[in-house]
PDB file of N, CA and C in Angstrom:
ATOM      1  N   MET A   1     -40.937  -9.691 -65.548  1.00  0.00           N
ATOM      2  CA  MET A   1     -40.974 -10.436 -64.310  1.00  0.00           C
ATOM      3  C   MET A   1     -41.967 -11.576 -64.420  1.00  0.00           C
ATOM      4  N   SER A   2     -41.608 -12.755 -63.927  1.00  0.00           N
ATOM      5  CA  SER A   2     -42.535 -13.871 -64.060  1.00  0.00           C
ATOM      6  C   SER A   2     -43.321 -14.060 -62.779  1.00  0.00           C
ATOM      7  N   ASP A   3     -44.508 -14.682 -62.914  1.00  0.00           N
ATOM      8  CA  ASP A   3     -45.337 -14.942 -61.752  1.00  0.00           C
ATOM      9  C   ASP A   3     -45.138 -16.354 -61.226  1.00  0.00           C
ATOM     10  N   GLY A   4     -44.089 -17.056 -61.635  1.00  0.00           N
ATOM     11  CA  GLY A   4     -43.832 -18.430 -61.229  1.00  0.00           C
ATOM     12  C   GLY A   4     -43.249 -18.486 -59.825  1.00  0.00           C
ATOM     13  N   PRO A   5     -42.950 -19.692 -59.338  1.00  0.00           N
ATOM     14  CA  PRO A   5     -42.399 -19.831 -57.988  1.00  0.00           C
ATOM     15  C   PRO A   5     -41.018 -19.191 -57.889  1.00  0.00           C
ATOM     16  N   ILE A   6     -40.700 -18.713 -56.704  1.00  0.00           N
ATOM     17  CA  ILE A   6     -39.392 -18.116 -56.446  1.00  0.00           C
ATOM     18  C   ILE A   6     -38.427 -19.265 -56.195  1.00  0.00           C
ATOM     19  N   ILE A   7     -37.321 -19.263 -56.909  1.00  0.00           N
ATOM     20  CA  ILE A   7     -36.345 -20.335 -56.776  1.00  0.00           C
ATOM     21  C   ILE A   7     -35.309 -19.917 -55.737  1.00  0.00           C
ATOM     22  N   MET A   8     -35.129 -20.757 -54.708  1.00  0.00           N
ATOM     23  CA  MET A   8     -34.140 -20.506 -53.662  1.00  0.00           C
ATOM     24  C   MET A   8     -32.777 -20.947 -54.185  1.00  0.00           C
ATOM     25  N   SER A   9     -31.746 -20.569 -53.501  1.00  0.00           N
ATOM     26  CA  SER A   9     -30.398 -20.903 -53.942  1.00  0.00           C
ATOM     27  C   SER A   9     -30.151 -22.404 -53.949  1.00  0.00           C
ATOM     28  N   ASP A  10     -30.918 -23.174 -53.155  1.00  0.00           N
ATOM     29  CA  ASP A  10     -30.718 -24.626 -53.152  1.00  0.00           C
ATOM     30  C   ASP A  10     -31.559 -25.324 -54.221  1.00  0.00           C
ATOM     31  N   GLY A  11     -32.269 -24.538 -55.035  1.00  0.00           N
ATOM     32  CA  GLY A  11     -33.032 -25.094 -56.139  1.00  0.00           C
ATOM     33  C   GLY A  11     -34.454 -25.476 -55.776  1.00  0.00           C
ATOM     34  N   LYS A  12     -34.872 -25.318 -54.543  1.00  0.00           N
ATOM     35  CA  LYS A  12     -36.232 -25.660 -54.126  1.00  0.00           C
ATOM     36  C   LYS A  12     -37.090 -24.406 -54.187  1.00  0.00           C
ATOM     37  N   ASP A  13     -38.391 -24.602 -54.426  1.00  0.00           N
ATOM     38  CA  ASP A  13     -39.242 -23.413 -54.417  1.00  0.00           C
ATOM     39  C   ASP A  13     -39.597 -23.064 -52.979  1.00  0.00           C
ATOM     40  N   SER A  14     -39.903 -21.786 -52.736  1.00  0.00           N
ATOM     41  CA  SER A  14     -40.084 -21.267 -51.383  1.00  0.00           C
ATOM     42  C   SER A  14     -41.299 -21.839 -50.689  1.00  0.00           C
ATOM     43  N   ASP A  15     -42.319 -22.289 -51.406  1.00  0.00           N
ATOM     44  CA  ASP A  15     -43.534 -22.793 -50.774  1.00  0.00           C
ATOM     45  C   ASP A  15     -43.267 -24.089 -49.998  1.00  0.00           C
ATOM     46  N   SER A  16     -42.365 -24.932 -50.472  1.00  0.00           N
ATOM     47  CA  SER A  16     -42.127 -26.217 -49.814  1.00  0.00           C
ATOM     48  C   SER A  16     -41.253 -26.074 -48.559  1.00  0.00           C
ATOM     49  N   ASP A  17     -40.591 -24.921 -48.380  1.00  0.00           N
ATOM     50  CA  ASP A  17     -39.731 -24.716 -47.212  1.00  0.00           C
ATOM     51  C   ASP A  17     -40.439 -23.966 -46.084  1.00  0.00           C
ATOM     52  N   ALA A  18     -41.708 -23.638 -46.256  1.00  0.00           N
ATOM     53  CA  ALA A  18     -42.427 -22.849 -45.252  1.00  0.00           C
ATOM     54  C   ALA A  18     -42.445 -23.575 -43.913  1.00  0.00           C
ATOM     55  N   GLY A  19     -42.107 -22.877 -42.847  1.00  0.00           N
ATOM     56  CA  GLY A  19     -42.154 -23.415 -41.503  1.00  0.00           C
ATOM     57  C   GLY A  19     -40.960 -24.277 -41.121  1.00  0.00           C
ATOM     58  N   LEU A  20     -39.967 -24.371 -41.952  1.00  0.00           N
ATOM     59  CA  LEU A  20     -38.811 -25.203 -41.636  1.00  0.00           C
ATOM     60  C   LEU A  20     -37.633 -24.419 -41.065  1.00  0.00           C
ATOM     61  N   LEU A  21     -37.818 -23.117 -40.874  1.00  0.00           N
ATOM     62  CA  LEU A  21     -36.723 -22.323 -40.328  1.00  0.00           C
ATOM     63  C   LEU A  21     -36.518 -22.689 -38.870  1.00  0.00           C
ATOM     64  N   THR A  22     -35.298 -22.917 -38.486  1.00  0.00           N
ATOM     65  CA  THR A  22     -34.995 -23.194 -37.085  1.00  0.00           C
ATOM     66  C   THR A  22     -34.185 -22.041 -36.529  1.00  0.00           C
ATOM     67  N   GLU A  23     -34.482 -21.716 -35.321  1.00  0.00           N
ATOM     68  CA  GLU A  23     -33.784 -20.611 -34.673  1.00  0.00           C
ATOM     69  C   GLU A  23     -32.689 -21.191 -33.792  1.00  0.00           C
ATOM     70  N   THR A  24     -31.470 -20.751 -33.999  1.00  0.00           N
ATOM     71  CA  THR A  24     -30.373 -21.228 -33.167  1.00  0.00           C
ATOM     72  C   THR A  24     -30.089 -20.187 -32.100  1.00  0.00           C
ATOM     73  N   LYS A  25     -29.960 -20.667 -30.893  1.00  0.00           N
ATOM     74  CA  LYS A  25     -29.648 -19.767 -29.787  1.00  0.00           C
ATOM     75  C   LYS A  25     -28.174 -19.935 -29.453  1.00  0.00           C
ATOM     76  N   THR A  26     -27.480 -18.832 -29.377  1.00  0.00           N
ATOM     77  CA  THR A  26     -26.073 -18.896 -29.008  1.00  0.00           C
ATOM     78  C   THR A  26     -25.955 -18.630 -27.519  1.00  0.00           C
ATOM     79  N   ARG A  27     -25.243 -19.491 -26.867  1.00  0.00           N
ATOM     80  CA  ARG A  27     -25.040 -19.334 -25.428  1.00  0.00           C
ATOM     81  C   ARG A  27     -23.616 -18.845 -25.229  1.00  0.00           C
ATOM     82  N   THR A  28     -23.488 -17.657 -24.675  1.00  0.00           N
ATOM     83  CA  THR A  28     -22.145 -17.125 -24.452  1.00  0.00           C
ATOM     84  C   THR A  28     -21.632 -17.631 -23.112  1.00  0.00           C
ATOM     85  N   GLU A  29     -20.385 -18.016 -23.111  1.00  0.00           N
ATOM     86  CA  GLU A  29     -19.765 -18.491 -21.880  1.00  0.00           C
ATOM     87  C   GLU A  29     -19.309 -17.306 -21.049  1.00  0.00           C
ATOM     88  N   ARG A  30     -19.398 -17.482 -19.756  1.00  0.00           N
ATOM     89  CA  ARG A  30     -18.883 -16.451 -18.870  1.00  0.00           C
ATOM     90  C   ARG A  30     -17.363 -16.476 -18.942  1.00  0.00           C
ATOM     91  N   PRO A  31     -16.752 -15.300 -18.880  1.00  0.00           N
ATOM     92  CA  PRO A  31     -15.285 -15.290 -18.915  1.00  0.00           C
ATOM     93  C   PRO A  31     -14.721 -15.939 -17.650  1.00  0.00           C
ATOM     94  N   PRO A  32     -13.551 -16.549 -17.760  1.00  0.00           N
ATOM     95  CA  PRO A  32     -12.962 -17.186 -16.575  1.00  0.00           C
ATOM     96  C   PRO A  32     -12.635 -16.142 -15.518  1.00  0.00           C
ATOM     97  N   LEU A  33     -12.678 -16.560 -14.273  1.00  0.00           N
ATOM     98  CA  LEU A  33     -12.353 -15.671 -13.157  1.00  0.00           C
ATOM     99  C   LEU A  33     -10.953 -15.994 -12.648  1.00  0.00           C
ATOM    100  N   TYR A  34     -10.358 -14.996 -12.012  1.00  0.00           N
ATOM    101  CA  TYR A  34      -8.991 -15.120 -11.514  1.00  0.00           C
ATOM    102  C   TYR A  34      -8.931 -14.734 -10.046  1.00  0.00           C
ATOM    103  N   LYS A  35      -8.211 -15.557  -9.274  1.00  0.00           N
ATOM    104  CA  LYS A  35      -7.999 -15.271  -7.856  1.00  0.00           C
ATOM    105  C   LYS A  35      -6.807 -14.335  -7.731  1.00  0.00           C
ATOM    106  N   VAL A  36      -6.964 -13.300  -6.933  1.00  0.00           N
ATOM    107  CA  VAL A  36      -5.853 -12.409  -6.609  1.00  0.00           C
ATOM    108  C   VAL A  36      -5.407 -12.775  -5.198  1.00  0.00           C
ATOM    109  N   MET A  37      -4.095 -12.996  -5.049  1.00  0.00           N
ATOM    110  CA  MET A  37      -3.561 -13.458  -3.773  1.00  0.00           C
ATOM    111  C   MET A  37      -2.424 -12.570  -3.288  1.00  0.00           C
ATOM    112  N   LEU A  38      -2.366 -12.403  -1.984  1.00  0.00           N
ATOM    113  CA  LEU A  38      -1.233 -11.728  -1.351  1.00  0.00           C
ATOM    114  C   LEU A  38      -0.363 -12.801  -0.716  1.00  0.00           C
ATOM    115  N   LEU A  39       0.949 -12.614  -0.808  1.00  0.00           N
ATOM    116  CA  LEU A  39       1.901 -13.564  -0.240  1.00  0.00           C
ATOM    117  C   LEU A  39       2.614 -12.930   0.947  1.00  0.00           C
ATOM    118  N   ASN A  40       2.843 -13.736   1.932  1.00  0.00           N
ATOM    119  CA  ASN A  40       3.522 -13.263   3.133  1.00  0.00           C
ATOM    120  C   ASN A  40       5.014 -13.076   2.879  1.00  0.00           C
ATOM    121  N   ASP A  41       5.584 -12.119   3.577  1.00  0.00           N
ATOM    122  CA  ASP A  41       7.041 -11.959   3.600  1.00  0.00           C
ATOM    123  C   ASP A  41       7.429 -11.520   5.004  1.00  0.00           C
ATOM    124  N   ASP A  42       8.705 -11.498   5.275  1.00  0.00           N
ATOM    125  CA  ASP A  42       9.172 -11.170   6.627  1.00  0.00           C
ATOM    126  C   ASP A  42       9.446  -9.683   6.831  1.00  0.00           C
ATOM    127  N   TYR A  43       9.151  -8.861   5.837  1.00  0.00           N
ATOM    128  CA  TYR A  43       9.561  -7.453   5.931  1.00  0.00           C
ATOM    129  C   TYR A  43       8.414  -6.450   5.842  1.00  0.00           C
ATOM    130  N   THR A  44       7.368  -6.750   5.103  1.00  0.00           N
ATOM    131  CA  THR A  44       6.270  -5.797   4.939  1.00  0.00           C
ATOM    132  C   THR A  44       5.488  -5.692   6.245  1.00  0.00           C
ATOM    133  N   PRO A  45       5.336  -4.478   6.770  1.00  0.00           N
ATOM    134  CA  PRO A  45       4.585  -4.308   8.029  1.00  0.00           C
ATOM    135  C   PRO A  45       3.126  -4.726   7.875  1.00  0.00           C
ATOM    136  N   MET A  46       2.591  -5.300   8.938  1.00  0.00           N
ATOM    137  CA  MET A  46       1.200  -5.758   8.920  1.00  0.00           C
ATOM    138  C   MET A  46       0.235  -4.615   8.620  1.00  0.00           C
ATOM    139  N   GLU A  47       0.493  -3.455   9.167  1.00  0.00           N
ATOM    140  CA  GLU A  47      -0.400  -2.315   8.933  1.00  0.00           C
ATOM    141  C   GLU A  47      -0.402  -1.882   7.471  1.00  0.00           C
ATOM    142  N   PHE A  48       0.722  -2.062   6.797  1.00  0.00           N
ATOM    143  CA  PHE A  48       0.775  -1.736   5.368  1.00  0.00           C
ATOM    144  C   PHE A  48      -0.123  -2.686   4.583  1.00  0.00           C
ATOM    145  N   VAL A  49      -0.091  -3.967   4.938  1.00  0.00           N
ATOM    146  CA  VAL A  49      -0.945  -4.960   4.271  1.00  0.00           C
ATOM    147  C   VAL A  49      -2.413  -4.624   4.527  1.00  0.00           C
ATOM    148  N   VAL A  50      -2.745  -4.259   5.747  1.00  0.00           N
ATOM    149  CA  VAL A  50      -4.121  -3.855   6.071  1.00  0.00           C
ATOM    150  C   VAL A  50      -4.524  -2.660   5.208  1.00  0.00           C
ATOM    151  N   HIS A  51      -3.648  -1.697   5.084  1.00  0.00           N
ATOM    152  CA  HIS A  51      -3.926  -0.508   4.265  1.00  0.00           C
ATOM    153  C   HIS A  51      -4.163  -0.894   2.800  1.00  0.00           C
ATOM    154  N   VAL A  52      -3.349  -1.796   2.266  1.00  0.00           N
ATOM    155  CA  VAL A  52      -3.505  -2.266   0.876  1.00  0.00           C
ATOM    156  C   VAL A  52      -4.875  -2.913   0.694  1.00  0.00           C
ATOM    157  N   LEU A  53      -5.269  -3.755   1.635  1.00  0.00           N
ATOM    158  CA  LEU A  53      -6.557  -4.442   1.534  1.00  0.00           C
ATOM    159  C   LEU A  53      -7.727  -3.463   1.599  1.00  0.00           C
ATOM    160  N   GLU A  54      -7.603  -2.449   2.425  1.00  0.00           N
ATOM    161  CA  GLU A  54      -8.658  -1.429   2.510  1.00  0.00           C
ATOM    162  C   GLU A  54      -8.711  -0.600   1.226  1.00  0.00           C
ATOM    163  N   ARG A  55      -7.553  -0.174   0.781  1.00  0.00           N
ATOM    164  CA  ARG A  55      -7.473   0.748  -0.360  1.00  0.00           C
ATOM    165  C   ARG A  55      -7.824   0.102  -1.700  1.00  0.00           C
ATOM    166  N   PHE A  56      -7.283  -1.077  -1.974  1.00  0.00           N
ATOM    167  CA  PHE A  56      -7.437  -1.678  -3.294  1.00  0.00           C
ATOM    168  C   PHE A  56      -8.527  -2.747  -3.384  1.00  0.00           C
ATOM    169  N   PHE A  57      -8.981  -3.235  -2.232  1.00  0.00           N
ATOM    170  CA  PHE A  57      -9.985  -4.293  -2.260  1.00  0.00           C
ATOM    171  C   PHE A  57     -11.258  -3.919  -1.512  1.00  0.00           C
ATOM    172  N   GLY A  58     -11.354  -2.672  -1.082  1.00  0.00           N
ATOM    173  CA  GLY A  58     -12.588  -2.143  -0.503  1.00  0.00           C
ATOM    174  C   GLY A  58     -13.017  -2.790   0.806  1.00  0.00           C
ATOM    175  N   MET A  59     -12.076  -3.318   1.549  1.00  0.00           N
ATOM    176  CA  MET A  59     -12.426  -3.955   2.822  1.00  0.00           C
ATOM    177  C   MET A  59     -12.466  -2.925   3.938  1.00  0.00           C
ATOM    178  N   ASN A  60     -13.299  -3.209   4.947  1.00  0.00           N
ATOM    179  CA  ASN A  60     -13.249  -2.359   6.135  1.00  0.00           C
ATOM    180  C   ASN A  60     -12.052  -2.811   6.976  1.00  0.00           C
ATOM    181  N   HIS A  61     -11.756  -2.073   8.029  1.00  0.00           N
ATOM    182  CA  HIS A  61     -10.546  -2.347   8.811  1.00  0.00           C
ATOM    183  C   HIS A  61     -10.562  -3.753   9.418  1.00  0.00           C
ATOM    184  N   ALA A  62     -11.711  -4.178   9.948  1.00  0.00           N
ATOM    185  CA  ALA A  62     -11.799  -5.497  10.586  1.00  0.00           C
ATOM    186  C   ALA A  62     -11.580  -6.616   9.566  1.00  0.00           C
ATOM    187  N   GLN A  63     -12.191  -6.503   8.387  1.00  0.00           N
ATOM    188  CA  GLN A  63     -12.010  -7.511   7.339  1.00  0.00           C
ATOM    189  C   GLN A  63     -10.548  -7.563   6.893  1.00  0.00           C
ATOM    190  N   ALA A  64      -9.976  -6.387   6.677  1.00  0.00           N
ATOM    191  CA  ALA A  64      -8.590  -6.302   6.220  1.00  0.00           C
ATOM    192  C   ALA A  64      -7.633  -6.891   7.267  1.00  0.00           C
ATOM    193  N   PHE A  65      -7.895  -6.611   8.526  1.00  0.00           N
ATOM    194  CA  PHE A  65      -7.039  -7.125   9.598  1.00  0.00           C
ATOM    195  C   PHE A  65      -7.096  -8.652   9.647  1.00  0.00           C
ATOM    196  N   GLU A  66      -8.300  -9.219   9.560  1.00  0.00           N
ATOM    197  CA  GLU A  66      -8.458 -10.679   9.580  1.00  0.00           C
ATOM    198  C   GLU A  66      -7.741 -11.342   8.403  1.00  0.00           C
ATOM    199  N   LEU A  67      -7.884 -10.757   7.227  1.00  0.00           N
ATOM    200  CA  LEU A  67      -7.234 -11.328   6.041  1.00  0.00           C
ATOM    201  C   LEU A  67      -5.715 -11.186   6.119  1.00  0.00           C
ATOM    202  N   MET A  68      -5.261 -10.072   6.658  1.00  0.00           N
ATOM    203  CA  MET A  68      -3.814  -9.890   6.841  1.00  0.00           C
ATOM    204  C   MET A  68      -3.266 -10.985   7.764  1.00  0.00           C
ATOM    205  N   LEU A  69      -4.007 -11.320   8.821  1.00  0.00           N
ATOM    206  CA  LEU A  69      -3.566 -12.383   9.726  1.00  0.00           C
ATOM    207  C   LEU A  69      -3.533 -13.741   9.009  1.00  0.00           C
ATOM    208  N   THR A  70      -4.483 -13.963   8.113  1.00  0.00           N
ATOM    209  CA  THR A  70      -4.492 -15.201   7.326  1.00  0.00           C
ATOM    210  C   THR A  70      -3.249 -15.270   6.445  1.00  0.00           C
ATOM    211  N   VAL A  71      -2.922 -14.165   5.789  1.00  0.00           N
ATOM    212  CA  VAL A  71      -1.707 -14.107   4.961  1.00  0.00           C
ATOM    213  C   VAL A  71      -0.490 -14.392   5.830  1.00  0.00           C
ATOM    214  N   HIS A  72      -0.445 -13.772   6.998  1.00  0.00           N
ATOM    215  CA  HIS A  72       0.693 -13.913   7.901  1.00  0.00           C
ATOM    216  C   HIS A  72       0.847 -15.362   8.393  1.00  0.00           C
ATOM    217  N   LYS A  73      -0.263 -15.994   8.763  1.00  0.00           N
ATOM    218  CA  LYS A  73      -0.209 -17.338   9.333  1.00  0.00           C
ATOM    219  C   LYS A  73      -0.076 -18.444   8.298  1.00  0.00           C
ATOM    220  N   LYS A  74      -0.758 -18.285   7.164  1.00  0.00           N
ATOM    221  CA  LYS A  74      -0.776 -19.360   6.162  1.00  0.00           C
ATOM    222  C   LYS A  74       0.192 -19.151   5.007  1.00  0.00           C
ATOM    223  N   GLY A  75       0.770 -17.956   4.904  1.00  0.00           N
ATOM    224  CA  GLY A  75       1.739 -17.694   3.845  1.00  0.00           C
ATOM    225  C   GLY A  75       1.149 -17.003   2.630  1.00  0.00           C
ATOM    226  N   LEU A  76      -0.154 -17.173   2.428  1.00  0.00           N
ATOM    227  CA  LEU A  76      -0.844 -16.470   1.357  1.00  0.00           C
ATOM    228  C   LEU A  76      -2.341 -16.551   1.600  1.00  0.00           C
ATOM    229  N   ALA A  77      -3.083 -15.679   0.928  1.00  0.00           N
ATOM    230  CA  ALA A  77      -4.542 -15.707   1.024  1.00  0.00           C
ATOM    231  C   ALA A  77      -5.130 -15.096  -0.234  1.00  0.00           C
ATOM    232  N   VAL A  78      -6.276 -15.624  -0.631  1.00  0.00           N
ATOM    233  CA  VAL A  78      -7.025 -15.047  -1.739  1.00  0.00           C
ATOM    234  C   VAL A  78      -7.722 -13.796  -1.204  1.00  0.00           C
ATOM    235  N   VAL A  79      -7.482 -12.684  -1.870  1.00  0.00           N
ATOM    236  CA  VAL A  79      -8.071 -11.421  -1.417  1.00  0.00           C
ATOM    237  C   VAL A  79      -9.226 -10.970  -2.292  1.00  0.00           C
ATOM    238  N   GLY A  80      -9.456 -11.682  -3.400  1.00  0.00           N
ATOM    239  CA  GLY A  80     -10.586 -11.364  -4.264  1.00  0.00           C
ATOM    240  C   GLY A  80     -10.568 -12.229  -5.511  1.00  0.00           C
ATOM    241  N   VAL A  81     -11.724 -12.303  -6.164  1.00  0.00           N
ATOM    242  CA  VAL A  81     -11.864 -13.050  -7.413  1.00  0.00           C
ATOM    243  C   VAL A  81     -12.483 -12.114  -8.436  1.00  0.00           C
ATOM    244  N   PHE A  82     -11.823 -11.975  -9.580  1.00  0.00           N
ATOM    245  CA  PHE A  82     -12.205 -10.965 -10.563  1.00  0.00           C
ATOM    246  C   PHE A  82     -12.049 -11.496 -11.987  1.00  0.00           C
ATOM    247  N   SER A  83     -12.571 -10.714 -12.943  1.00  0.00           N
ATOM    248  CA  SER A  83     -12.295 -11.003 -14.348  1.00  0.00           C
ATOM    249  C   SER A  83     -10.799 -10.778 -14.576  1.00  0.00           C
ATOM    250  N   HIS A  84     -10.295 -11.275 -15.696  1.00  0.00           N
ATOM    251  CA  HIS A  84      -8.861 -11.177 -15.982  1.00  0.00           C
ATOM    252  C   HIS A  84      -8.354  -9.743 -15.925  1.00  0.00           C
ATOM    253  N   GLU A  85      -9.056  -8.837 -16.588  1.00  0.00           N
ATOM    254  CA  GLU A  85      -8.599  -7.444 -16.670  1.00  0.00           C
ATOM    255  C   GLU A  85      -8.566  -6.778 -15.300  1.00  0.00           C
ATOM    256  N   ILE A  86      -9.598  -7.016 -14.493  1.00  0.00           N
ATOM    257  CA  ILE A  86      -9.646  -6.394 -13.162  1.00  0.00           C
ATOM    258  C   ILE A  86      -8.579  -7.007 -12.266  1.00  0.00           C
ATOM    259  N   ALA A  87      -8.423  -8.320 -12.318  1.00  0.00           N
ATOM    260  CA  ALA A  87      -7.393  -8.984 -11.503  1.00  0.00           C
ATOM    261  C   ALA A  87      -6.010  -8.463 -11.864  1.00  0.00           C
ATOM    262  N   GLU A  88      -5.761  -8.341 -13.157  1.00  0.00           N
ATOM    263  CA  GLU A  88      -4.464  -7.848 -13.633  1.00  0.00           C
ATOM    264  C   GLU A  88      -4.210  -6.424 -13.126  1.00  0.00           C
ATOM    265  N   THR A  89      -5.231  -5.606 -13.167  1.00  0.00           N
ATOM    266  CA  THR A  89      -5.117  -4.223 -12.694  1.00  0.00           C
ATOM    267  C   THR A  89      -4.845  -4.181 -11.193  1.00  0.00           C
ATOM    268  N   LYS A  90      -5.566  -4.993 -10.426  1.00  0.00           N
ATOM    269  CA  LYS A  90      -5.373  -5.024  -8.967  1.00  0.00           C
ATOM    270  C   LYS A  90      -3.941  -5.443  -8.625  1.00  0.00           C
ATOM    271  N   VAL A  91      -3.453  -6.483  -9.291  1.00  0.00           N
ATOM    272  CA  VAL A  91      -2.080  -6.957  -9.035  1.00  0.00           C
ATOM    273  C   VAL A  91      -1.089  -5.836  -9.336  1.00  0.00           C
ATOM    274  N   ALA A  92      -1.258  -5.174 -10.471  1.00  0.00           N
ATOM    275  CA  ALA A  92      -0.342  -4.086 -10.851  1.00  0.00           C
ATOM    276  C   ALA A  92      -0.406  -2.938  -9.851  1.00  0.00           C
ATOM    277  N   GLN A  93      -1.597  -2.581  -9.405  1.00  0.00           N
ATOM    278  CA  GLN A  93      -1.748  -1.488  -8.436  1.00  0.00           C
ATOM    279  C   GLN A  93      -1.054  -1.822  -7.121  1.00  0.00           C
ATOM    280  N   VAL A  94      -1.271  -3.028  -6.631  1.00  0.00           N
ATOM    281  CA  VAL A  94      -0.667  -3.428  -5.352  1.00  0.00           C
ATOM    282  C   VAL A  94       0.847  -3.482  -5.469  1.00  0.00           C
ATOM    283  N   MET A  95       1.341  -4.087  -6.541  1.00  0.00           N
ATOM    284  CA  MET A  95       2.791  -4.202  -6.723  1.00  0.00           C
ATOM    285  C   MET A  95       3.440  -2.824  -6.843  1.00  0.00           C
ATOM    286  N   ASP A  96       2.818  -1.935  -7.591  1.00  0.00           N
ATOM    287  CA  ASP A  96       3.342  -0.580  -7.754  1.00  0.00           C
ATOM    288  C   ASP A  96       3.339   0.171  -6.425  1.00  0.00           C
ATOM    289  N   PHE A  97       2.236   0.064  -5.690  1.00  0.00           N
ATOM    290  CA  PHE A  97       2.108   0.744  -4.405  1.00  0.00           C
ATOM    291  C   PHE A  97       3.156   0.227  -3.410  1.00  0.00           C
ATOM    292  N   ALA A  98       3.341  -1.084  -3.362  1.00  0.00           N
ATOM    293  CA  ALA A  98       4.334  -1.674  -2.452  1.00  0.00           C
ATOM    294  C   ALA A  98       5.745  -1.222  -2.834  1.00  0.00           C
ATOM    295  N   GLN A  99       6.017  -1.220  -4.123  1.00  0.00           N
ATOM    296  CA  GLN A  99       7.349  -0.815  -4.582  1.00  0.00           C
ATOM    297  C   GLN A  99       7.618   0.649  -4.252  1.00  0.00           C
ATOM    298  N   ARG A 100       6.602   1.506  -4.470  1.00  0.00           N
ATOM    299  CA  ARG A 100       6.779   2.934  -4.168  1.00  0.00           C
ATOM    300  C   ARG A 100       7.015   3.176  -2.684  1.00  0.00           C
ATOM    301  N   HIS A 101       6.514   2.275  -1.838  1.00  0.00           N
ATOM    302  CA  HIS A 101       6.725   2.405  -0.390  1.00  0.00           C
ATOM    303  C   HIS A 101       7.860   1.501   0.101  1.00  0.00           C
ATOM    304  N   GLN A 102       8.620   0.973  -0.839  1.00  0.00           N
ATOM    305  CA  GLN A 102       9.805   0.160  -0.565  1.00  0.00           C
ATOM    306  C   GLN A 102       9.518  -1.061   0.310  1.00  0.00           C
ATOM    307  N   HIS A 103       8.405  -1.744  -0.020  1.00  0.00           N
ATOM    308  CA  HIS A 103       8.058  -2.992   0.656  1.00  0.00           C
ATOM    309  C   HIS A 103       8.079  -4.117  -0.373  1.00  0.00           C
ATOM    310  N   PRO A 104       8.527  -5.308   0.026  1.00  0.00           N
ATOM    311  CA  PRO A 104       8.611  -6.423  -0.920  1.00  0.00           C
ATOM    312  C   PRO A 104       7.306  -7.230  -1.069  1.00  0.00           C
ATOM    313  N   LEU A 105       6.191  -6.668  -0.656  1.00  0.00           N
ATOM    314  CA  LEU A 105       4.905  -7.364  -0.733  1.00  0.00           C
ATOM    315  C   LEU A 105       4.657  -7.879  -2.148  1.00  0.00           C
ATOM    316  N   GLN A 106       4.260  -9.141  -2.246  1.00  0.00           N
ATOM    317  CA  GLN A 106       3.976  -9.763  -3.539  1.00  0.00           C
ATOM    318  C   GLN A 106       2.476 -10.039  -3.672  1.00  0.00           C
ATOM    319  N   CYS A 107       1.981  -9.750  -4.855  1.00  0.00           N
ATOM    320  CA  CYS A 107       0.582  -9.983  -5.182  1.00  0.00           C
ATOM    321  C   CYS A 107       0.557 -10.721  -6.518  1.00  0.00           C
ATOM    322  N   THR A 108      -0.178 -11.818  -6.574  1.00  0.00           N
ATOM    323  CA  THR A 108      -0.239 -12.621  -7.794  1.00  0.00           C
ATOM    324  C   THR A 108      -1.685 -12.935  -8.141  1.00  0.00           C
ATOM    325  N   MET A 109      -1.866 -13.501  -9.337  1.00  0.00           N
ATOM    326  CA  MET A 109      -3.184 -13.941  -9.754  1.00  0.00           C
ATOM    327  C   MET A 109      -3.066 -15.296 -10.427  1.00  0.00           C
ATOM    328  N   GLU A 110      -4.127 -16.080 -10.323  1.00  0.00           N
ATOM    329  CA  GLU A 110      -4.176 -17.355 -11.034  1.00  0.00           C
ATOM    330  C   GLU A 110      -5.620 -17.671 -11.375  1.00  0.00           C
ATOM    331  N   LYS A 111      -5.783 -18.430 -12.454  1.00  0.00           N
ATOM    332  CA  LYS A 111      -7.111 -18.792 -12.916  1.00  0.00           C
ATOM    333  C   LYS A 111      -7.806 -19.632 -11.860  1.00  0.00           C
ATOM    334  N   GLU A 112      -9.073 -19.331 -11.640  1.00  0.00           N
ATOM    335  CA  GLU A 112      -9.832 -20.066 -10.620  1.00  0.00           C
ATOM    336  C   GLU A 112     -10.208 -21.438 -11.105  1.00  0.00           C
TER     337      GLU A 112
END
C-alpha cells in the first residue's frame, strides 16, 4: 500500500476537492387533486342523494341537504376534493351504491 495521495475517479487528488461537495435538495411535488362531483337527474330521490353525501362524504344532515339542493338547482356540485386514488374509490362507491338501489345517480371526477 502506498502513502501517496488518493486518486479520485476524475484523476484529481482528494485534498484539492475538500469542501466542494454540494448538497442537492429534492423537492417532491404534491400529487394532483381531483374534484368529485354529483350530477343531477330527474329520477334519483333527493333523500337518497342526502344519504349518499352523509354516508360516503362524511357530511352531517344539514350539509348534505344544502349540497343536494345545489346539485338539484345547478345540475352538478363538487362534493369533495381528493387524491386520485381516493376520488376514484369514492366515485366507484357512489356509482355502485346507486346502481344497487336502482337509481341513475351519476358521480364523476376531474383533475382540479
